[in-house]
Amino acid sequence: MAGRAVRVVVADDQTVVREGIAMLLGLLPGLDVVGAAADGEEAVRLVADKAPDVVLMDLRMPRCNGVEATRIIRRDHPGTQVVILTTFADDDSLFAALRAGARGYLTKDAGSEEILRAVEDVMRGEAGLSPKVQRRLLERLAESAVGDPEGERRSDAPRTRDRAGGRWPALGGAGASDGASGGRLGGVAGGASVDAGGAESPDGLTTREAEVLALVAEGMSNGEIAAELYVSPATVKTHINNLFAKIGVRDRVQAARYAYRRGIGRERNGS
């Protein structure tokens, strides 16, 4: 990260975990651990006193849990971002934390690079979510689309993942064929399709950008996308920056929502 170090507070009720995380973060470039809290109340006090850029927040803590502490911090100190770092990845914990204002959510099996990436993401105003959490959010988004009585059942109807076949079957709308081509992208807005032949795509996306968007919607990291498409991570980052600008989104969650609403997703052979 360029410029000054990002000031971080760590909040966890387990002493060994708290001290271990603080030590790990102290070894990462561009991070400065300015405080450590044993519960949510102490975390709120430290934020008021130290004005950190980011709090790494556990959820299950005494006196004041991580969700409530996040809500208070985001209300009273909007310049401080919160990244949840917890053992729990259940829906109740995840969505309560995000509703409280957390911009990132990691589980404690995250490595140092993933933690650093999440901090960098929230400092840029993006969502710092682990791939596992992204996938769960996208599953819930797909489930919501299926259950929506209005359904946006137009030609740009969203798609939900077919877990058995790995495809993205259309929820109605024109132009949503289940072609056998393994690398083809499904129907998009207006019934168009994006395929290897460079057919029409929404908002001026190139075929490659649409492919990258489909993989982002699956919750893949830049490195995973690079491996999937046999390109460099720097190339993936360039495609993501370009497609974000074209479709008018700020982070991967918004991009995934866009992909669902436009019906952009990979189709795979169901073997």
C-alpha atoms as a PDB file:
ATOM      1  CA  MET A   1       0.000   0.000   0.000  1.00  0.00           C
ATOM      2  CA  ALA A   2       1.368   3.377  -0.974  1.00  0.00           C
ATOM      3  CA  GLY A   3       1.531   6.343   1.394  1.00  0.00           C
ATOM      4  CA  ARG A   4       1.158   6.220   5.157  1.00  0.00           C
ATOM      5  CA  ALA A   5       0.604   3.014   7.051  1.00  0.00           C
ATOM      6  CA  VAL A   6      -2.984   1.912   7.651  1.00  0.00           C
ATOM      7  CA  ARG A   7      -3.778   2.180  11.355  1.00  0.00           C
ATOM      8  CA  VAL A   8      -5.450  -0.964  12.680  1.00  0.00           C
ATOM      9  CA  VAL A   9      -7.151  -1.992  15.936  1.00  0.00           C
ATOM     10  CA  VAL A  10      -7.613  -5.681  16.728  1.00  0.00           C
ATOM     11  CA  ALA A  11     -10.629  -6.781  18.818  1.00  0.00           C
ATOM     12  CA  ASP A  12     -10.813 -10.375  20.121  1.00  0.00           C
ATOM     13  CA  ASP A  13     -11.662 -11.722  23.561  1.00  0.00           C
ATOM     14  CA  GLN A  14      -9.122 -14.560  23.438  1.00  0.00           C
ATOM     15  CA  THR A  15      -5.733 -13.268  24.549  1.00  0.00           C
ATOM     16  CA  VAL A  16      -3.653 -15.726  22.524  1.00  0.00           C
ATOM     17  CA  VAL A  17      -5.662 -15.041  19.354  1.00  0.00           C
ATOM     18  CA  ARG A  18      -5.643 -11.272  19.875  1.00  0.00           C
ATOM     19  CA  GLU A  19      -1.905 -11.110  20.482  1.00  0.00           C
ATOM     20  CA  GLY A  20      -1.205 -13.508  17.610  1.00  0.00           C
ATOM     21  CA  ILE A  21      -3.237 -11.450  15.136  1.00  0.00           C
ATOM     22  CA  ALA A  22      -1.586  -8.227  16.317  1.00  0.00           C
ATOM     23  CA  MET A  23       1.860  -9.803  15.897  1.00  0.00           C
ATOM     24  CA  LEU A  24       0.989 -11.101  12.429  1.00  0.00           C
ATOM     25  CA  LEU A  25      -0.363  -7.734  11.295  1.00  0.00           C
ATOM     26  CA  GLY A  26       2.745  -6.009  12.627  1.00  0.00           C
ATOM     27  CA  LEU A  27       4.805  -8.039  10.157  1.00  0.00           C
ATOM     28  CA  LEU A  28       2.699  -7.063   7.136  1.00  0.00           C
ATOM     29  CA  PRO A  29       3.804  -4.120   4.991  1.00  0.00           C
ATOM     30  CA  GLY A  30       1.810  -0.926   5.298  1.00  0.00           C
ATOM     31  CA  LEU A  31      -0.046  -1.832   8.504  1.00  0.00           C
ATOM     32  CA  ASP A  32       0.395  -0.251  11.945  1.00  0.00           C
ATOM     33  CA  VAL A  33      -1.388  -1.929  14.886  1.00  0.00           C
ATOM     34  CA  VAL A  34      -2.323   0.947  17.209  1.00  0.00           C
ATOM     35  CA  GLY A  35      -4.407  -0.970  19.746  1.00  0.00           C
ATOM     36  CA  ALA A  36      -5.924  -4.276  20.829  1.00  0.00           C
ATOM     37  CA  ALA A  37      -9.283  -4.745  22.574  1.00  0.00           C
ATOM     38  CA  ALA A  38     -10.618  -7.678  24.597  1.00  0.00           C
ATOM     39  CA  ASP A  39     -14.297  -6.886  23.960  1.00  0.00           C
ATOM     40  CA  GLY A  40     -16.600  -4.647  21.975  1.00  0.00           C
ATOM     41  CA  GLU A  41     -16.773  -1.878  24.564  1.00  0.00           C
ATOM     42  CA  GLU A  42     -12.995  -1.578  24.633  1.00  0.00           C
ATOM     43  CA  ALA A  43     -12.925  -1.596  20.836  1.00  0.00           C
ATOM     44  CA  VAL A  44     -15.338   1.348  20.724  1.00  0.00           C
ATOM     45  CA  ARG A  45     -13.208   3.250  23.264  1.00  0.00           C
ATOM     46  CA  LEU A  46     -10.025   2.557  21.310  1.00  0.00           C
ATOM     47  CA  VAL A  47     -11.597   3.779  18.090  1.00  0.00           C
ATOM     48  CA  ALA A  48     -12.628   7.021  19.807  1.00  0.00           C
ATOM     49  CA  ASP A  49      -9.124   7.427  21.249  1.00  0.00           C
ATOM     50  CA  LYS A  50      -6.899   6.210  18.403  1.00  0.00           C
ATOM     51  CA  ALA A  51      -9.006   6.973  15.300  1.00  0.00           C
ATOM     52  CA  PRO A  52      -7.813   3.880  13.394  1.00  0.00           C
ATOM     53  CA  ASP A  53      -8.527   3.349   9.724  1.00  0.00           C
ATOM     54  CA  VAL A  54      -9.678  -0.253  10.192  1.00  0.00           C
ATOM     55  CA  VAL A  55     -10.850  -2.493  13.037  1.00  0.00           C
ATOM     56  CA  LEU A  56     -10.416  -6.258  12.742  1.00  0.00           C
ATOM     57  CA  MET A  57     -13.403  -7.348  14.821  1.00  0.00           C
ATOM     58  CA  ASP A  58     -14.289 -10.688  16.369  1.00  0.00           C
ATOM     59  CA  LEU A  59     -18.023 -11.373  16.738  1.00  0.00           C
ATOM     60  CA  ARG A  60     -18.518 -13.357  19.929  1.00  0.00           C
ATOM     61  CA  MET A  61     -17.145 -11.192  22.736  1.00  0.00           C
ATOM     62  CA  PRO A  62     -18.349 -10.369  26.272  1.00  0.00           C
ATOM     63  CA  ARG A  63     -20.069  -7.141  27.381  1.00  0.00           C
ATOM     64  CA  CYS A  64     -20.531  -5.881  23.821  1.00  0.00           C
ATOM     65  CA  ASN A  65     -20.441  -8.262  20.878  1.00  0.00           C
ATOM     66  CA  GLY A  66     -18.834  -7.526  17.539  1.00  0.00           C
ATOM     67  CA  VAL A  67     -22.066  -6.726  15.722  1.00  0.00           C
ATOM     68  CA  GLU A  68     -23.114  -4.080  18.251  1.00  0.00           C
ATOM     69  CA  ALA A  69     -19.592  -2.652  18.422  1.00  0.00           C
ATOM     70  CA  THR A  70     -19.545  -2.429  14.624  1.00  0.00           C
ATOM     71  CA  ARG A  71     -22.886  -0.620  14.613  1.00  0.00           C
ATOM     72  CA  ILE A  72     -21.646   1.935  17.160  1.00  0.00           C
ATOM     73  CA  ILE A  73     -18.314   2.473  15.405  1.00  0.00           C
ATOM     74  CA  ARG A  74     -19.883   2.985  11.993  1.00  0.00           C
ATOM     75  CA  ARG A  75     -22.471   5.355  13.464  1.00  0.00           C
ATOM     76  CA  ASP A  76     -20.121   7.452  15.579  1.00  0.00           C
ATOM     77  CA  HIS A  77     -16.855   7.088  13.660  1.00  0.00           C
ATOM     78  CA  PRO A  78     -17.711   6.689   9.956  1.00  0.00           C
ATOM     79  CA  GLY A  79     -14.069   7.177   8.968  1.00  0.00           C
ATOM     80  CA  THR A  80     -13.196   3.825  10.524  1.00  0.00           C
ATOM     81  CA  GLN A  81     -13.954   0.707   8.521  1.00  0.00           C
ATOM     82  CA  VAL A  82     -14.684  -2.670  10.127  1.00  0.00           C
ATOM     83  CA  VAL A  83     -13.525  -6.054   8.873  1.00  0.00           C
ATOM     84  CA  ILE A  84     -14.998  -9.010  10.743  1.00  0.00           C
ATOM     85  CA  LEU A  85     -12.465 -11.746  11.559  1.00  0.00           C
ATOM     86  CA  THR A  86     -14.295 -14.627  13.166  1.00  0.00           C
ATOM     87  CA  THR A  87     -14.679 -18.381  13.452  1.00  0.00           C
ATOM     88  CA  PHE A  88     -18.330 -18.136  12.428  1.00  0.00           C
ATOM     89  CA  ALA A  89     -19.549 -18.045   8.827  1.00  0.00           C
ATOM     90  CA  ASP A  90     -23.230 -18.865   9.376  1.00  0.00           C
ATOM     91  CA  ASP A  91     -25.866 -16.681   7.734  1.00  0.00           C
ATOM     92  CA  ASP A  92     -27.056 -15.088  10.972  1.00  0.00           C
ATOM     93  CA  SER A  93     -23.555 -13.914  11.884  1.00  0.00           C
ATOM     94  CA  LEU A  94     -22.645 -12.834   8.357  1.00  0.00           C
ATOM     95  CA  PHE A  95     -25.733 -10.793   7.532  1.00  0.00           C
ATOM     96  CA  ALA A  96     -26.020  -9.245  10.992  1.00  0.00           C
ATOM     97  CA  ALA A  97     -22.441  -7.968  10.686  1.00  0.00           C
ATOM     98  CA  LEU A  98     -22.954  -6.608   7.175  1.00  0.00           C
ATOM     99  CA  ARG A  99     -26.191  -4.891   8.187  1.00  0.00           C
ATOM    100  CA  ALA A 100     -24.337  -3.306  11.107  1.00  0.00           C
ATOM    101  CA  GLY A 101     -21.939  -1.713   8.632  1.00  0.00           C
ATOM    102  CA  ALA A 102     -18.992  -4.083   8.322  1.00  0.00           C
ATOM    103  CA  ARG A 103     -17.269  -3.708   4.954  1.00  0.00           C
ATOM    104  CA  GLY A 104     -15.282  -6.914   5.208  1.00  0.00           C
ATOM    105  CA  TYR A 105     -15.822 -10.429   6.518  1.00  0.00           C
ATOM    106  CA  LEU A 106     -13.142 -13.095   6.916  1.00  0.00           C
ATOM    107  CA  THR A 107     -12.972 -16.349   8.804  1.00  0.00           C
ATOM    108  CA  LYS A 108     -10.029 -17.130  11.051  1.00  0.00           C
ATOM    109  CA  ASP A 109      -8.554 -19.616   8.619  1.00  0.00           C
ATOM    110  CA  ALA A 110      -7.630 -16.617   6.445  1.00  0.00           C
ATOM    111  CA  GLY A 111      -3.925 -16.230   5.744  1.00  0.00           C
ATOM    112  CA  SER A 112      -1.906 -13.049   6.078  1.00  0.00           C
ATOM    113  CA  GLU A 113      -2.243 -12.204   2.374  1.00  0.00           C
ATOM    114  CA  GLU A 114      -6.029 -12.507   2.534  1.00  0.00           C
ATOM    115  CA  ILE A 115      -6.198 -10.280   5.606  1.00  0.00           C
ATOM    116  CA  LEU A 116      -3.958  -7.689   3.958  1.00  0.00           C
ATOM    117  CA  ARG A 117      -6.065  -7.805   0.778  1.00  0.00           C
ATOM    118  CA  ALA A 118      -9.276  -7.270   2.774  1.00  0.00           C
ATOM    119  CA  VAL A 119      -7.772  -4.253   4.542  1.00  0.00           C
ATOM    120  CA  GLU A 120      -6.627  -2.815   1.214  1.00  0.00           C
ATOM    121  CA  ASP A 121     -10.071  -3.423  -0.292  1.00  0.00           C
ATOM    122  CA  VAL A 122     -11.993  -1.612   2.446  1.00  0.00           C
ATOM    123  CA  MET A 123      -9.510   1.263   2.353  1.00  0.00           C
ATOM    124  CA  ARG A 124     -10.396   1.668  -1.339  1.00  0.00           C
ATOM    125  CA  GLY A 125     -14.082   1.663  -0.508  1.00  0.00           C
ATOM    126  CA  GLU A 126     -14.607  -1.888  -1.751  1.00  0.00           C
ATOM    127  CA  ALA A 127     -15.902  -4.954   0.055  1.00  0.00           C
ATOM    128  CA  GLY A 128     -13.212  -7.056   1.722  1.00  0.00           C
ATOM    129  CA  LEU A 129     -14.859 -10.461   1.609  1.00  0.00           C
ATOM    130  CA  SER A 130     -13.281 -13.902   1.546  1.00  0.00           C
ATOM    131  CA  PRO A 131     -14.139 -16.032  -1.528  1.00  0.00           C
ATOM    132  CA  LYS A 132     -16.176 -18.357   0.716  1.00  0.00           C
ATOM    133  CA  VAL A 133     -18.240 -15.444   2.037  1.00  0.00           C
ATOM    134  CA  GLN A 134     -18.694 -14.031  -1.466  1.00  0.00           C
ATOM    135  CA  ARG A 135     -20.053 -17.364  -2.630  1.00  0.00           C
ATOM    136  CA  ARG A 136     -22.538 -17.486   0.245  1.00  0.00           C
ATOM    137  CA  LEU A 137     -23.726 -13.944  -0.500  1.00  0.00           C
ATOM    138  CA  LEU A 138     -24.209 -14.851  -4.137  1.00  0.00           C
ATOM    139  CA  GLU A 139     -26.151 -17.973  -3.227  1.00  0.00           C
ATOM    140  CA  ARG A 140     -28.460 -15.872  -1.061  1.00  0.00           C
ATOM    141  CA  LEU A 141     -28.825 -13.329  -3.852  1.00  0.00           C
ATOM    142  CA  ALA A 142     -29.776 -16.114  -6.243  1.00  0.00           C
ATOM    143  CA  GLU A 143     -32.241 -17.552  -3.726  1.00  0.00           C
ATOM    144  CA  SER A 144     -33.792 -14.101  -3.306  1.00  0.00           C
ATOM    145  CA  ALA A 145     -34.134 -13.743  -7.058  1.00  0.00           C
ATOM    146  CA  VAL A 146     -35.928 -17.090  -7.256  1.00  0.00           C
ATOM    147  CA  GLY A 147     -38.303 -16.145  -4.463  1.00  0.00           C
ATOM    148  CA  ASP A 148     -39.013 -12.597  -5.659  1.00  0.00           C
ATOM    149  CA  PRO A 149     -42.711 -12.398  -6.617  1.00  0.00           C
ATOM    150  CA  GLU A 150     -41.954  -9.523  -8.979  1.00  0.00           C
ATOM    151  CA  GLY A 151     -38.945 -11.418 -10.212  1.00  0.00           C
ATOM    152  CA  GLU A 152     -37.771  -8.840 -12.739  1.00  0.00           C
ATOM    153  CA  ARG A 153     -38.999 -11.414 -15.259  1.00  0.00           C
ATOM    154  CA  ARG A 154     -37.956  -9.386 -18.238  1.00  0.00           C
ATOM    155  CA  SER A 155     -35.528 -10.259 -20.991  1.00  0.00           C
ATOM    156  CA  ASP A 156     -32.688  -9.577 -18.531  1.00  0.00           C
ATOM    157  CA  ALA A 157     -34.050 -12.042 -15.973  1.00  0.00           C
ATOM    158  CA  PRO A 158     -31.463 -13.119 -13.371  1.00  0.00           C
ATOM    159  CA  ARG A 159     -30.108 -16.612 -13.242  1.00  0.00           C
ATOM    160  CA  THR A 160     -29.557 -18.955 -10.336  1.00  0.00           C
ATOM    161  CA  ARG A 161     -26.902 -21.612 -10.130  1.00  0.00           C
ATOM    162  CA  ASP A 162     -27.827 -25.151 -11.052  1.00  0.00           C
ATOM    163  CA  ARG A 163     -25.708 -27.014  -8.483  1.00  0.00           C
ATOM    164  CA  ALA A 164     -26.120 -30.342 -10.248  1.00  0.00           C
ATOM    165  CA  GLY A 165     -24.923 -29.247 -13.660  1.00  0.00           C
ATOM    166  CA  GLY A 166     -22.869 -26.160 -12.803  1.00  0.00           C
ATOM    167  CA  ARG A 167     -24.835 -24.056 -15.314  1.00  0.00           C
ATOM    168  CA  TRP A 168     -26.767 -20.843 -14.796  1.00  0.00           C
ATOM    169  CA  PRO A 169     -30.296 -21.704 -16.042  1.00  0.00           C
ATOM    170  CA  ALA A 170     -32.444 -18.730 -16.939  1.00  0.00           C
ATOM    171  CA  LEU A 171     -35.434 -17.795 -14.813  1.00  0.00           C
ATOM    172  CA  GLY A 172     -37.447 -16.884 -17.866  1.00  0.00           C
ATOM    173  CA  GLY A 173     -36.764 -14.277 -20.495  1.00  0.00           C
ATOM    174  CA  ALA A 174     -35.727 -14.472 -24.105  1.00  0.00           C
ATOM    175  CA  GLY A 175     -32.540 -15.682 -25.609  1.00  0.00           C
ATOM    176  CA  ALA A 176     -31.458 -17.930 -22.700  1.00  0.00           C
ATOM    177  CA  SER A 177     -30.388 -21.065 -24.476  1.00  0.00           C
ATOM    178  CA  ASP A 178     -28.517 -23.939 -22.825  1.00  0.00           C
ATOM    179  CA  GLY A 179     -25.913 -24.365 -25.532  1.00  0.00           C
ATOM    180  CA  ALA A 180     -23.428 -27.192 -25.182  1.00  0.00           C
ATOM    181  CA  SER A 181     -20.386 -25.011 -25.607  1.00  0.00           C
ATOM    182  CA  GLY A 182     -18.443 -25.399 -22.335  1.00  0.00           C
ATOM    183  CA  GLY A 183     -16.985 -21.882 -22.301  1.00  0.00           C
ATOM    184  CA  ARG A 184     -20.000 -19.965 -23.491  1.00  0.00           C
ATOM    185  CA  LEU A 185     -21.654 -17.387 -21.322  1.00  0.00           C
ATOM    186  CA  GLY A 186     -25.396 -17.473 -20.853  1.00  0.00           C
ATOM    187  CA  GLY A 187     -28.006 -14.988 -21.981  1.00  0.00           C
ATOM    188  CA  VAL A 188     -27.525 -11.350 -21.089  1.00  0.00           C
ATOM    189  CA  ALA A 189     -29.636  -8.236 -21.174  1.00  0.00           C
ATOM    190  CA  GLY A 190     -31.990  -7.982 -24.100  1.00  0.00           C
ATOM    191  CA  GLY A 191     -31.650 -11.669 -24.916  1.00  0.00           C
ATOM    192  CA  ALA A 192     -28.107 -11.268 -26.270  1.00  0.00           C
ATOM    193  CA  SER A 193     -25.393 -13.841 -25.558  1.00  0.00           C
ATOM    194  CA  VAL A 194     -21.693 -13.488 -24.990  1.00  0.00           C
ATOM    195  CA  ASP A 195     -19.708 -16.242 -26.643  1.00  0.00           C
ATOM    196  CA  ALA A 196     -16.371 -16.922 -28.232  1.00  0.00           C
ATOM    197  CA  GLY A 197     -17.597 -15.304 -31.405  1.00  0.00           C
ATOM    198  CA  GLY A 198     -17.778 -11.908 -29.702  1.00  0.00           C
ATOM    199  CA  ALA A 199     -21.547 -11.474 -29.768  1.00  0.00           C
ATOM    200  CA  GLU A 200     -23.274  -8.496 -28.227  1.00  0.00           C
ATOM    201  CA  SER A 201     -22.797  -7.839 -24.509  1.00  0.00           C
ATOM    202  CA  PRO A 202     -24.346  -5.291 -22.133  1.00  0.00           C
ATOM    203  CA  ASP A 203     -22.871  -1.838 -21.434  1.00  0.00           C
ATOM    204  CA  GLY A 204     -20.115  -2.278 -23.985  1.00  0.00           C
ATOM    205  CA  LEU A 205     -18.348  -5.134 -22.186  1.00  0.00           C
ATOM    206  CA  THR A 206     -15.904  -7.079 -24.299  1.00  0.00           C
ATOM    207  CA  THR A 207     -16.208 -10.850 -24.413  1.00  0.00           C
ATOM    208  CA  ARG A 208     -13.208 -11.196 -22.097  1.00  0.00           C
ATOM    209  CA  GLU A 209     -14.610  -8.647 -19.636  1.00  0.00           C
ATOM    210  CA  ALA A 210     -17.896 -10.555 -19.560  1.00  0.00           C
ATOM    211  CA  GLU A 211     -15.973 -13.770 -18.896  1.00  0.00           C
ATOM    212  CA  VAL A 212     -14.131 -12.105 -16.022  1.00  0.00           C
ATOM    213  CA  LEU A 213     -17.411 -10.730 -14.650  1.00  0.00           C
ATOM    214  CA  ALA A 214     -18.937 -14.213 -14.690  1.00  0.00           C
ATOM    215  CA  LEU A 215     -16.009 -15.537 -12.644  1.00  0.00           C
ATOM    216  CA  VAL A 216     -16.228 -12.624 -10.209  1.00  0.00           C
ATOM    217  CA  ALA A 217     -19.881 -13.571  -9.756  1.00  0.00           C
ATOM    218  CA  GLU A 218     -18.762 -17.054  -8.767  1.00  0.00           C
ATOM    219  CA  GLY A 219     -16.706 -15.556  -5.934  1.00  0.00           C
ATOM    220  CA  MET A 220     -13.303 -16.198  -7.510  1.00  0.00           C
ATOM    221  CA  SER A 221     -10.274 -14.148  -6.478  1.00  0.00           C
ATOM    222  CA  ASN A 222      -8.077 -12.409  -9.058  1.00  0.00           C
ATOM    223  CA  GLY A 223      -5.530 -15.215  -8.794  1.00  0.00           C
ATOM    224  CA  GLU A 224      -8.164 -17.887  -9.361  1.00  0.00           C
ATOM    225  CA  ILE A 225      -9.542 -15.997 -12.368  1.00  0.00           C
ATOM    226  CA  ALA A 226      -6.036 -15.649 -13.791  1.00  0.00           C
ATOM    227  CA  ALA A 227      -5.490 -19.404 -13.493  1.00  0.00           C
ATOM    228  CA  GLU A 228      -8.885 -20.142 -15.035  1.00  0.00           C
ATOM    229  CA  LEU A 229      -8.287 -17.890 -18.052  1.00  0.00           C
ATOM    230  CA  TYR A 230      -4.519 -18.505 -18.400  1.00  0.00           C
ATOM    231  CA  VAL A 231      -3.640 -14.840 -18.012  1.00  0.00           C
ATOM    232  CA  SER A 232      -1.662 -12.878 -15.441  1.00  0.00           C
ATOM    233  CA  PRO A 233      -3.265 -11.446 -12.264  1.00  0.00           C
ATOM    234  CA  ALA A 234      -2.307  -7.968 -13.529  1.00  0.00           C
ATOM    235  CA  THR A 235      -4.330  -8.586 -16.686  1.00  0.00           C
ATOM    236  CA  VAL A 236      -7.300  -9.709 -14.599  1.00  0.00           C
ATOM    237  CA  LYS A 237      -7.032  -6.560 -12.482  1.00  0.00           C
ATOM    238  CA  THR A 238      -7.052  -4.424 -15.629  1.00  0.00           C
ATOM    239  CA  HIS A 239     -10.154  -6.194 -16.946  1.00  0.00           C
ATOM    240  CA  ILE A 240     -11.894  -5.759 -13.584  1.00  0.00           C
ATOM    241  CA  ASN A 241     -11.070  -2.046 -13.423  1.00  0.00           C
ATOM    242  CA  ASN A 242     -12.378  -1.586 -16.966  1.00  0.00           C
ATOM    243  CA  LEU A 243     -15.594  -3.532 -16.482  1.00  0.00           C
ATOM    244  CA  PHE A 244     -16.287  -1.848 -13.118  1.00  0.00           C
ATOM    245  CA  ALA A 245     -16.059   1.520 -14.884  1.00  0.00           C
ATOM    246  CA  LYS A 246     -18.329   0.389 -17.720  1.00  0.00           C
ATOM    247  CA  ILE A 247     -21.085  -1.066 -15.545  1.00  0.00           C
ATOM    248  CA  GLY A 248     -20.828   1.605 -12.844  1.00  0.00           C
ATOM    249  CA  VAL A 249     -20.028  -0.490  -9.757  1.00  0.00           C
ATOM    250  CA  ARG A 250     -17.488  -0.024  -6.974  1.00  0.00           C
ATOM    251  CA  ASP A 251     -16.827  -3.526  -5.672  1.00  0.00           C
ATOM    252  CA  ARG A 252     -17.177  -7.229  -6.387  1.00  0.00           C
ATOM    253  CA  VAL A 253     -20.477  -7.636  -4.550  1.00  0.00           C
ATOM    254  CA  GLN A 254     -22.097  -4.920  -6.677  1.00  0.00           C
ATOM    255  CA  ALA A 255     -20.546  -6.505  -9.770  1.00  0.00           C
ATOM    256  CA  ALA A 256     -21.971  -9.900  -8.839  1.00  0.00           C
ATOM    257  CA  ARG A 257     -25.408  -8.354  -8.320  1.00  0.00           C
ATOM    258  CA  TYR A 258     -25.129  -6.774 -11.768  1.00  0.00           C
ATOM    259  CA  ALA A 259     -24.165 -10.143 -13.258  1.00  0.00           C
ATOM    260  CA  TYR A 260     -27.158 -11.860 -11.703  1.00  0.00           C
ATOM    261  CA  ARG A 261     -29.572  -9.176 -12.835  1.00  0.00           C
ATOM    262  CA  ARG A 262     -28.198  -9.315 -16.391  1.00  0.00           C
ATOM    263  CA  GLY A 263     -28.076 -13.117 -16.435  1.00  0.00           C
ATOM    264  CA  ILE A 264     -24.327 -13.237 -16.989  1.00  0.00           C
ATOM    265  CA  GLY A 265     -22.852 -16.540 -15.882  1.00  0.00           C
ATOM    266  CA  ARG A 266     -20.807 -19.413 -17.138  1.00  0.00           C
ATOM    267  CA  GLU A 267     -22.342 -22.510 -18.601  1.00  0.00           C
ATOM    268  CA  ARG A 268     -20.432 -25.732 -18.126  1.00  0.00           C
ATOM    269  CA  ASN A 269     -20.952 -29.216 -19.382  1.00  0.00           C
ATOM    270  CA  GLY A 270     -22.742 -31.168 -16.687  1.00  0.00           C
ATOM    271  CA  SER A 271     -20.414 -34.162 -16.775  1.00  0.00           C
END
